Amino acid sequence: GVERYFARLVPIIREFVDVKSTIIGLQIDNETNFYFGDRYSSDYSVHGLAQLRGFLRTKYVTVAALNAAWGTSYASFDQADPPRRRPDRNAPVRENIRHQDWFDAGHAGIEAFHGQLRAIWERLGVREPDLLFCTNDSPHTFIGRDLSQWRGATKNTGGVAMLDAYPKQLPTSGGKP
């Protein structure tokens, strides 16, 4: 599906890269690092759980190592579930490890996704240095939530990480660019 769609775009992109020299960059994603403001309200799908558990298998190798880090007694990685809410301020350190692993798994998933998208473009003959691959996020906040932050180490693997800068999103802008 995605590769067929990209293949239809390649001739258009090539015209503006090779002939008209007006395209200098290709954004491969849009705000894939924000989890729409709250990681605790998303990504509990079958695919999200499989991605987390695959990450844990790679990181810990054995269920015993996972159990030691998380303070759990899982019989297999397939029992490991992500946290459903932010940790309590007085939660034991092990709980923080569980949350960090969940966020790290999300970043690893984004990195893999970016790699797949970029690989499709490159298979189709669209590559650097003909144009610059970039990724995108937006520095907006959500009412009652923390400022959403992107992680450069993740975002820069697929392309140069860039941020939207809409005046309406910046509280100090006073509506001016």
N, C-alpha and C. Protein backbone atom coordinates (compact mmCIF):
# COMPACT_ATOMS: atom_id res chain seq x y z
N GLY A 1 0.79 -1.18 0.00
CA GLY A 1 0.00 0.00 0.00
C GLY A 1 0.84 1.27 0.00
N VAL A 2 1.66 1.45 1.04
CA VAL A 2 2.45 2.68 1.17
C VAL A 2 3.46 2.78 0.03
N GLU A 3 4.11 1.67 -0.30
CA GLU A 3 5.12 1.72 -1.37
C GLU A 3 4.48 2.05 -2.71
N ARG A 4 3.30 1.51 -2.98
CA ARG A 4 2.59 1.84 -4.23
C ARG A 4 2.24 3.33 -4.27
N TYR A 5 1.80 3.86 -3.15
CA TYR A 5 1.47 5.28 -3.07
C TYR A 5 2.72 6.13 -3.31
N PHE A 6 3.81 5.81 -2.61
CA PHE A 6 5.05 6.55 -2.79
C PHE A 6 5.53 6.45 -4.24
N ALA A 7 5.39 5.27 -4.86
CA ALA A 7 5.83 5.08 -6.24
C ALA A 7 5.09 6.03 -7.19
N ARG A 8 3.85 6.34 -6.88
CA ARG A 8 3.09 7.29 -7.71
C ARG A 8 3.60 8.72 -7.52
N LEU A 9 4.17 8.99 -6.36
CA LEU A 9 4.69 10.33 -6.09
C LEU A 9 6.09 10.55 -6.66
N VAL A 10 6.84 9.48 -6.85
CA VAL A 10 8.24 9.61 -7.28
C VAL A 10 8.39 10.44 -8.56
N PRO A 11 7.62 10.18 -9.63
CA PRO A 11 7.80 11.01 -10.84
C PRO A 11 7.55 12.50 -10.59
N ILE A 12 6.60 12.80 -9.73
CA ILE A 12 6.30 14.20 -9.41
C ILE A 12 7.48 14.80 -8.65
N ILE A 13 7.97 14.09 -7.65
CA ILE A 13 9.10 14.57 -6.87
C ILE A 13 10.33 14.73 -7.75
N ARG A 14 10.61 13.74 -8.60
CA ARG A 14 11.80 13.79 -9.46
C ARG A 14 11.75 15.02 -10.37
N GLU A 15 10.56 15.36 -10.87
CA GLU A 15 10.45 16.54 -11.74
C GLU A 15 10.88 17.80 -10.99
N PHE A 16 10.44 17.92 -9.74
CA PHE A 16 10.75 19.12 -8.97
C PHE A 16 12.15 19.08 -8.35
N VAL A 17 12.78 17.92 -8.30
CA VAL A 17 14.16 17.81 -7.83
C VAL A 17 15.13 17.96 -9.00
N ASP A 18 14.90 17.19 -10.07
CA ASP A 18 15.84 17.14 -11.19
C ASP A 18 15.66 18.24 -12.22
N VAL A 19 14.41 18.57 -12.53
CA VAL A 19 14.14 19.49 -13.63
C VAL A 19 13.97 20.93 -13.13
N LYS A 20 13.09 21.10 -12.17
CA LYS A 20 12.76 22.45 -11.71
C LYS A 20 13.58 22.90 -10.51
N SER A 21 14.27 21.98 -9.87
CA SER A 21 15.13 22.28 -8.71
C SER A 21 14.43 23.13 -7.65
N THR A 22 13.22 22.73 -7.29
CA THR A 22 12.48 23.50 -6.28
C THR A 22 12.23 22.73 -4.98
N ILE A 23 12.39 21.43 -4.99
CA ILE A 23 12.23 20.64 -3.76
C ILE A 23 13.61 20.40 -3.18
N ILE A 24 13.75 20.73 -1.90
CA ILE A 24 15.04 20.48 -1.26
C ILE A 24 14.93 19.47 -0.12
N GLY A 25 13.71 19.18 0.32
CA GLY A 25 13.53 18.27 1.44
C GLY A 25 12.29 17.43 1.30
N LEU A 26 12.30 16.29 1.98
CA LEU A 26 11.15 15.38 2.00
C LEU A 26 10.89 15.01 3.45
N GLN A 27 9.74 15.42 3.96
CA GLN A 27 9.35 15.11 5.33
C GLN A 27 8.76 13.71 5.36
N ILE A 28 9.38 12.80 6.12
CA ILE A 28 8.93 11.41 6.11
C ILE A 28 7.86 11.10 7.15
N ASP A 29 7.60 12.02 8.08
CA ASP A 29 6.60 11.77 9.11
C ASP A 29 5.94 13.08 9.51
N ASN A 30 4.95 12.98 10.37
CA ASN A 30 4.36 14.17 10.94
C ASN A 30 3.96 13.91 12.38
N GLU A 31 4.75 14.45 13.29
CA GLU A 31 4.46 14.42 14.72
C GLU A 31 4.26 13.01 15.27
N THR A 32 5.11 12.10 14.86
CA THR A 32 4.99 10.72 15.35
C THR A 32 5.57 10.53 16.75
N ASN A 33 6.15 11.54 17.33
CA ASN A 33 6.82 11.37 18.61
C ASN A 33 6.05 11.92 19.79
N PHE A 34 4.85 12.42 19.58
CA PHE A 34 4.13 13.07 20.66
C PHE A 34 3.10 12.20 21.35
N TYR A 35 2.69 11.12 20.74
CA TYR A 35 1.61 10.31 21.30
C TYR A 35 0.41 11.18 21.62
N PHE A 36 0.24 12.23 20.82
CA PHE A 36 -0.87 13.16 20.97
C PHE A 36 -0.97 13.70 22.37
N GLY A 37 0.18 14.00 22.96
CA GLY A 37 0.24 14.73 24.20
C GLY A 37 0.30 13.89 25.45
N ASP A 38 -0.11 12.65 25.39
CA ASP A 38 -0.13 11.86 26.61
C ASP A 38 0.06 10.39 26.27
N ARG A 39 1.22 9.87 26.54
CA ARG A 39 1.56 8.47 26.25
C ARG A 39 0.62 7.52 27.01
N TYR A 40 0.04 7.99 28.09
CA TYR A 40 -0.83 7.15 28.91
C TYR A 40 -2.26 7.07 28.38
N SER A 41 -2.51 7.66 27.24
CA SER A 41 -3.85 7.56 26.66
C SER A 41 -3.81 6.93 25.27
N SER A 42 -2.68 6.32 24.91
CA SER A 42 -2.57 5.76 23.57
C SER A 42 -1.66 4.54 23.53
N ASP A 43 -1.68 3.86 22.40
CA ASP A 43 -0.73 2.80 22.07
C ASP A 43 -0.90 1.52 22.89
N TYR A 44 -2.12 1.17 23.22
CA TYR A 44 -2.38 -0.09 23.91
C TYR A 44 -2.95 -1.14 22.95
N SER A 45 -2.79 -0.91 21.66
CA SER A 45 -3.31 -1.83 20.66
C SER A 45 -2.50 -3.13 20.66
N VAL A 46 -3.00 -4.12 19.94
CA VAL A 46 -2.28 -5.39 19.80
C VAL A 46 -0.89 -5.14 19.24
N HIS A 47 -0.79 -4.24 18.25
CA HIS A 47 0.50 -3.93 17.64
C HIS A 47 1.41 -3.20 18.62
N GLY A 48 0.85 -2.27 19.39
CA GLY A 48 1.63 -1.55 20.39
C GLY A 48 2.18 -2.48 21.46
N LEU A 49 1.34 -3.41 21.92
CA LEU A 49 1.79 -4.38 22.93
C LEU A 49 2.87 -5.30 22.37
N ALA A 50 2.70 -5.74 21.13
CA ALA A 50 3.72 -6.60 20.49
C ALA A 50 5.03 -5.85 20.35
N GLN A 51 4.96 -4.58 20.01
CA GLN A 51 6.18 -3.79 19.86
C GLN A 51 6.88 -3.63 21.20
N LEU A 52 6.13 -3.34 22.27
CA LEU A 52 6.71 -3.23 23.61
C LEU A 52 7.38 -4.54 24.01
N ARG A 53 6.67 -5.63 23.84
CA ARG A 53 7.20 -6.93 24.28
C ARG A 53 8.43 -7.34 23.48
N GLY A 54 8.46 -7.00 22.19
CA GLY A 54 9.66 -7.26 21.38
C GLY A 54 10.84 -6.43 21.87
N PHE A 55 10.57 -5.18 22.23
CA PHE A 55 11.61 -4.31 22.78
C PHE A 55 12.15 -4.91 24.08
N LEU A 56 11.25 -5.36 24.95
CA LEU A 56 11.68 -5.94 26.23
C LEU A 56 12.50 -7.21 26.03
N ARG A 57 12.11 -8.05 25.06
CA ARG A 57 12.89 -9.27 24.76
C ARG A 57 14.32 -8.91 24.35
N THR A 58 14.42 -7.87 23.53
CA THR A 58 15.75 -7.45 23.07
C THR A 58 16.56 -6.86 24.22
N LYS A 59 15.93 -6.03 25.04
CA LYS A 59 16.65 -5.36 26.12
C LYS A 59 17.04 -6.32 27.24
N TYR A 60 16.10 -7.16 27.68
CA TYR A 60 16.34 -7.99 28.86
C TYR A 60 16.77 -9.42 28.55
N VAL A 61 16.50 -9.91 27.37
CA VAL A 61 16.85 -11.25 26.89
C VAL A 61 16.10 -12.35 27.63
N THR A 62 16.07 -12.30 28.94
CA THR A 62 15.36 -13.34 29.70
C THR A 62 14.24 -12.70 30.53
N VAL A 63 13.21 -13.48 30.78
CA VAL A 63 12.10 -13.01 31.62
C VAL A 63 12.60 -12.76 33.03
N ALA A 64 13.56 -13.56 33.50
CA ALA A 64 14.12 -13.36 34.84
C ALA A 64 14.74 -11.97 34.96
N ALA A 65 15.44 -11.51 33.93
CA ALA A 65 16.06 -10.19 33.97
C ALA A 65 14.98 -9.10 33.97
N LEU A 66 13.92 -9.29 33.18
CA LEU A 66 12.81 -8.34 33.19
C LEU A 66 12.17 -8.30 34.57
N ASN A 67 11.89 -9.45 35.13
CA ASN A 67 11.27 -9.51 36.46
C ASN A 67 12.14 -8.84 37.52
N ALA A 68 13.45 -9.01 37.43
CA ALA A 68 14.36 -8.38 38.39
C ALA A 68 14.30 -6.86 38.26
N ALA A 69 14.24 -6.36 37.03
CA ALA A 69 14.20 -4.91 36.81
C ALA A 69 12.85 -4.31 37.20
N TRP A 70 11.77 -4.99 36.88
CA TRP A 70 10.43 -4.45 37.11
C TRP A 70 9.83 -4.87 38.46
N GLY A 71 10.44 -5.83 39.14
CA GLY A 71 9.87 -6.32 40.38
C GLY A 71 8.59 -7.10 40.16
N THR A 72 8.55 -7.86 39.07
CA THR A 72 7.37 -8.64 38.70
C THR A 72 7.70 -10.12 38.73
N SER A 73 6.71 -10.94 38.45
CA SER A 73 6.93 -12.39 38.40
C SER A 73 6.26 -12.98 37.16
N TYR A 74 6.50 -12.36 36.02
CA TYR A 74 5.93 -12.84 34.77
C TYR A 74 6.54 -14.19 34.39
N ALA A 75 5.72 -15.03 33.79
CA ALA A 75 6.21 -16.32 33.29
C ALA A 75 6.76 -16.18 31.87
N SER A 76 6.31 -15.12 31.16
CA SER A 76 6.81 -14.88 29.80
C SER A 76 6.71 -13.38 29.49
N PHE A 77 7.41 -12.98 28.45
CA PHE A 77 7.34 -11.58 28.01
C PHE A 77 5.93 -11.22 27.56
N ASP A 78 5.14 -12.20 27.13
CA ASP A 78 3.79 -11.94 26.65
C ASP A 78 2.85 -11.45 27.76
N GLN A 79 3.27 -11.55 29.00
CA GLN A 79 2.46 -11.05 30.11
C GLN A 79 2.78 -9.59 30.45
N ALA A 80 3.89 -9.09 29.96
CA ALA A 80 4.32 -7.73 30.29
C ALA A 80 3.38 -6.72 29.65
N ASP A 81 2.83 -5.86 30.47
CA ASP A 81 1.92 -4.82 30.01
C ASP A 81 2.49 -3.44 30.32
N PRO A 82 2.18 -2.45 29.51
CA PRO A 82 2.64 -1.09 29.78
C PRO A 82 1.85 -0.47 30.93
N PRO A 83 2.42 0.54 31.54
CA PRO A 83 1.66 1.25 32.58
C PRO A 83 0.48 1.98 31.96
N ARG A 84 -0.56 2.18 32.73
CA ARG A 84 -1.78 2.83 32.23
C ARG A 84 -1.91 4.28 32.73
N ARG A 85 -1.08 4.67 33.67
CA ARG A 85 -1.11 6.04 34.18
C ARG A 85 0.28 6.40 34.71
N ARG A 86 0.46 7.69 34.90
CA ARG A 86 1.74 8.17 35.39
C ARG A 86 2.06 7.55 36.75
N PRO A 87 3.34 7.37 37.03
CA PRO A 87 3.69 6.80 38.33
C PRO A 87 3.42 7.79 39.46
N ASP A 88 3.11 7.26 40.59
CA ASP A 88 2.95 8.06 41.80
C ASP A 88 4.33 8.62 42.17
N ARG A 89 4.35 9.82 42.71
CA ARG A 89 5.63 10.44 43.09
C ARG A 89 6.41 9.59 44.08
N ASN A 90 5.75 8.80 44.87
CA ASN A 90 6.41 7.98 45.87
C ASN A 90 6.59 6.53 45.42
N ALA A 91 6.39 6.27 44.13
CA ALA A 91 6.52 4.91 43.61
C ALA A 91 7.97 4.44 43.72
N PRO A 92 8.15 3.14 43.90
CA PRO A 92 9.53 2.62 43.95
C PRO A 92 10.24 2.83 42.62
N VAL A 93 11.57 2.85 42.67
CA VAL A 93 12.39 3.07 41.48
C VAL A 93 12.04 2.07 40.38
N ARG A 94 11.73 0.84 40.73
CA ARG A 94 11.37 -0.16 39.73
C ARG A 94 10.21 0.30 38.85
N GLU A 95 9.28 1.03 39.46
CA GLU A 95 8.14 1.53 38.69
C GLU A 95 8.62 2.54 37.65
N ASN A 96 9.59 3.36 38.01
CA ASN A 96 10.16 4.31 37.04
C ASN A 96 10.82 3.57 35.88
N ILE A 97 11.47 2.47 36.16
CA ILE A 97 12.12 1.67 35.12
C ILE A 97 11.07 1.15 34.14
N ARG A 98 9.98 0.68 34.66
CA ARG A 98 8.88 0.18 33.82
C ARG A 98 8.37 1.28 32.88
N HIS A 99 8.17 2.46 33.43
CA HIS A 99 7.69 3.58 32.62
C HIS A 99 8.75 3.98 31.59
N GLN A 100 10.00 4.04 31.99
CA GLN A 100 11.07 4.41 31.06
C GLN A 100 11.17 3.39 29.93
N ASP A 101 11.05 2.11 30.27
CA ASP A 101 11.08 1.07 29.23
C ASP A 101 9.93 1.26 28.24
N TRP A 102 8.76 1.64 28.75
CA TRP A 102 7.62 1.84 27.86
C TRP A 102 7.87 3.00 26.91
N PHE A 103 8.40 4.10 27.45
CA PHE A 103 8.72 5.24 26.58
C PHE A 103 9.84 4.89 25.61
N ASP A 104 10.87 4.20 26.08
CA ASP A 104 11.98 3.80 25.20
C ASP A 104 11.48 2.86 24.10
N ALA A 105 10.56 1.98 24.43
CA ALA A 105 9.98 1.09 23.41
C ALA A 105 9.23 1.91 22.36
N GLY A 106 8.52 2.93 22.80
CA GLY A 106 7.83 3.81 21.86
C GLY A 106 8.80 4.51 20.93
N HIS A 107 9.89 5.01 21.49
CA HIS A 107 10.91 5.66 20.66
C HIS A 107 11.53 4.67 19.68
N ALA A 108 11.79 3.45 20.13
CA ALA A 108 12.36 2.43 19.24
C ALA A 108 11.38 2.12 18.11
N GLY A 109 10.09 2.10 18.41
CA GLY A 109 9.09 1.86 17.38
C GLY A 109 9.06 2.98 16.35
N ILE A 110 9.16 4.22 16.82
CA ILE A 110 9.19 5.36 15.91
C ILE A 110 10.44 5.30 15.03
N GLU A 111 11.56 4.99 15.64
CA GLU A 111 12.82 4.88 14.89
C GLU A 111 12.71 3.81 13.80
N ALA A 112 12.14 2.67 14.14
CA ALA A 112 11.96 1.60 13.15
C ALA A 112 11.01 2.04 12.04
N PHE A 113 9.93 2.73 12.41
CA PHE A 113 8.97 3.23 11.43
C PHE A 113 9.64 4.21 10.47
N HIS A 114 10.40 5.14 11.02
CA HIS A 114 11.13 6.09 10.17
C HIS A 114 12.09 5.36 9.24
N GLY A 115 12.79 4.37 9.76
CA GLY A 115 13.71 3.60 8.92
C GLY A 115 12.99 2.90 7.78
N GLN A 116 11.80 2.37 8.06
CA GLN A 116 11.02 1.70 7.01
C GLN A 116 10.57 2.69 5.95
N LEU A 117 10.09 3.86 6.38
CA LEU A 117 9.64 4.87 5.42
C LEU A 117 10.79 5.35 4.54
N ARG A 118 11.91 5.63 5.18
CA ARG A 118 13.07 6.10 4.42
C ARG A 118 13.55 5.02 3.46
N ALA A 119 13.57 3.78 3.89
CA ALA A 119 14.01 2.67 3.03
C ALA A 119 13.11 2.54 1.80
N ILE A 120 11.81 2.75 1.96
CA ILE A 120 10.90 2.70 0.81
C ILE A 120 11.28 3.78 -0.19
N TRP A 121 11.45 5.01 0.28
CA TRP A 121 11.83 6.10 -0.63
C TRP A 121 13.15 5.77 -1.34
N GLU A 122 14.11 5.25 -0.59
CA GLU A 122 15.41 4.96 -1.19
C GLU A 122 15.32 3.82 -2.21
N ARG A 123 14.50 2.80 -1.93
CA ARG A 123 14.29 1.72 -2.91
C ARG A 123 13.69 2.27 -4.21
N LEU A 124 12.90 3.31 -4.08
CA LEU A 124 12.26 3.92 -5.24
C LEU A 124 13.15 4.96 -5.93
N GLY A 125 14.38 5.12 -5.43
CA GLY A 125 15.33 6.02 -6.07
C GLY A 125 15.33 7.45 -5.57
N VAL A 126 14.61 7.73 -4.50
CA VAL A 126 14.62 9.06 -3.90
C VAL A 126 15.53 8.99 -2.69
N ARG A 127 16.64 9.72 -2.76
CA ARG A 127 17.62 9.62 -1.68
C ARG A 127 18.45 10.89 -1.58
N GLU A 128 19.14 10.98 -0.46
CA GLU A 128 20.11 12.06 -0.29
C GLU A 128 21.33 11.73 -1.15
N PRO A 129 22.03 12.69 -1.75
CA PRO A 129 21.95 14.13 -1.52
C PRO A 129 21.00 14.86 -2.47
N ASP A 130 20.21 14.11 -3.25
CA ASP A 130 19.26 14.79 -4.15
C ASP A 130 18.30 15.70 -3.38
N LEU A 131 17.88 15.26 -2.24
CA LEU A 131 17.07 16.07 -1.34
C LEU A 131 17.37 15.62 0.08
N LEU A 132 16.94 16.41 1.03
CA LEU A 132 17.21 16.15 2.43
C LEU A 132 15.99 15.48 3.07
N PHE A 133 16.18 14.35 3.71
CA PHE A 133 15.09 13.74 4.48
C PHE A 133 14.97 14.48 5.80
N CYS A 134 13.73 14.72 6.23
CA CYS A 134 13.52 15.35 7.53
C CYS A 134 12.31 14.73 8.22
N THR A 135 12.24 14.95 9.50
CA THR A 135 11.10 14.52 10.31
C THR A 135 10.48 15.79 10.90
N ASN A 136 9.29 15.67 11.47
CA ASN A 136 8.61 16.87 11.92
C ASN A 136 7.89 16.65 13.25
N ASP A 137 7.96 17.64 14.08
CA ASP A 137 7.14 17.69 15.28
C ASP A 137 6.74 19.13 15.51
N SER A 138 5.90 19.35 16.49
CA SER A 138 5.36 20.67 16.77
C SER A 138 5.48 20.94 18.27
N PRO A 139 5.97 22.10 18.66
CA PRO A 139 6.20 22.38 20.08
C PRO A 139 4.96 22.87 20.81
N HIS A 140 3.85 22.17 20.64
CA HIS A 140 2.62 22.64 21.28
C HIS A 140 2.39 21.95 22.62
N THR A 141 1.57 22.55 23.40
CA THR A 141 1.19 21.97 24.68
C THR A 141 -0.29 21.60 24.60
N PHE A 142 -0.69 20.81 25.54
CA PHE A 142 -2.09 20.42 25.65
C PHE A 142 -2.60 20.90 27.00
N ILE A 143 -3.77 21.45 27.03
CA ILE A 143 -4.33 22.01 28.25
C ILE A 143 -4.28 20.98 29.37
N GLY A 144 -3.69 21.39 30.49
CA GLY A 144 -3.63 20.52 31.65
C GLY A 144 -2.56 19.45 31.57
N ARG A 145 -1.73 19.50 30.54
CA ARG A 145 -0.69 18.48 30.39
C ARG A 145 0.66 19.14 30.24
N ASP A 146 1.70 18.32 30.35
CA ASP A 146 3.06 18.83 30.22
C ASP A 146 3.36 19.23 28.78
N LEU A 147 4.37 20.05 28.62
CA LEU A 147 4.84 20.40 27.28
C LEU A 147 5.34 19.13 26.60
N SER A 148 4.85 18.89 25.41
CA SER A 148 5.27 17.72 24.66
C SER A 148 6.69 17.92 24.14
N GLN A 149 7.53 16.97 24.35
CA GLN A 149 8.92 17.05 23.93
C GLN A 149 9.24 15.93 22.96
N TRP A 150 9.98 16.21 21.92
CA TRP A 150 10.44 15.17 21.02
C TRP A 150 11.87 14.82 21.40
N ARG A 151 12.30 13.68 20.96
CA ARG A 151 13.62 13.16 21.31
C ARG A 151 14.49 13.15 20.05
N GLY A 152 15.46 14.04 20.02
CA GLY A 152 16.31 14.20 18.85
C GLY A 152 17.02 12.93 18.41
N ALA A 153 17.47 12.13 19.37
CA ALA A 153 18.16 10.89 19.02
C ALA A 153 17.27 9.97 18.20
N THR A 154 15.97 10.00 18.48
CA THR A 154 15.02 9.19 17.71
C THR A 154 14.66 9.89 16.41
N LYS A 155 14.29 11.14 16.49
CA LYS A 155 13.80 11.85 15.31
C LYS A 155 14.87 12.03 14.24
N ASN A 156 16.12 12.16 14.61
CA ASN A 156 17.19 12.40 13.64
C ASN A 156 17.65 11.14 12.92
N THR A 157 17.20 9.97 13.32
CA THR A 157 17.63 8.76 12.62
C THR A 157 16.99 8.63 11.25
N GLY A 158 15.79 9.16 11.07
CA GLY A 158 15.11 9.08 9.78
C GLY A 158 15.42 10.26 8.88
N GLY A 159 15.82 11.34 9.47
CA GLY A 159 16.12 12.57 8.75
C GLY A 159 16.40 13.66 9.75
N VAL A 160 16.67 14.84 9.28
CA VAL A 160 16.95 15.96 10.17
C VAL A 160 15.66 16.35 10.89
N ALA A 161 15.69 16.36 12.21
CA ALA A 161 14.51 16.70 13.00
C ALA A 161 14.22 18.19 12.90
N MET A 162 12.98 18.52 12.61
CA MET A 162 12.57 19.92 12.50
C MET A 162 11.31 20.12 13.33
N LEU A 163 11.05 21.36 13.70
CA LEU A 163 9.87 21.70 14.49
C LEU A 163 9.01 22.69 13.73
N ASP A 164 7.68 22.52 13.87
CA ASP A 164 6.75 23.55 13.41
C ASP A 164 6.93 24.74 14.35
N ALA A 165 6.68 25.90 13.86
CA ALA A 165 6.74 27.09 14.71
C ALA A 165 5.58 28.02 14.35
N TYR A 166 4.38 27.61 14.71
CA TYR A 166 3.22 28.42 14.44
C TYR A 166 3.06 29.45 15.56
N PRO A 167 2.89 30.72 15.22
CA PRO A 167 2.74 31.73 16.27
C PRO A 167 1.65 31.41 17.27
N LYS A 168 0.55 30.82 16.81
CA LYS A 168 -0.56 30.52 17.73
C LYS A 168 -0.19 29.49 18.78
N GLN A 169 0.89 28.75 18.55
CA GLN A 169 1.27 27.71 19.50
C GLN A 169 2.25 28.20 20.55
N LEU A 170 2.84 29.31 20.33
CA LEU A 170 3.87 29.78 21.24
C LEU A 170 3.27 30.83 22.18
N PRO A 171 3.15 30.51 23.46
CA PRO A 171 2.48 31.43 24.38
C PRO A 171 3.18 32.77 24.51
N THR A 172 4.46 32.85 24.22
CA THR A 172 5.17 34.11 24.34
C THR A 172 5.14 34.95 23.07
N SER A 173 4.54 34.42 22.03
CA SER A 173 4.57 35.13 20.74
C SER A 173 3.58 36.28 20.65
N GLY A 174 2.59 36.29 21.49
CA GLY A 174 1.58 37.34 21.43
C GLY A 174 0.88 37.39 20.07
N GLY A 175 0.82 36.22 19.41
CA GLY A 175 0.17 36.15 18.13
C GLY A 175 1.02 36.64 16.97
N LYS A 176 2.29 36.95 17.23
CA LYS A 176 3.19 37.44 16.18
C LYS A 176 4.25 36.36 15.89
N PRO A 177 4.66 36.28 14.63
CA PRO A 177 5.73 35.31 14.32
C PRO A 177 7.04 35.65 14.98
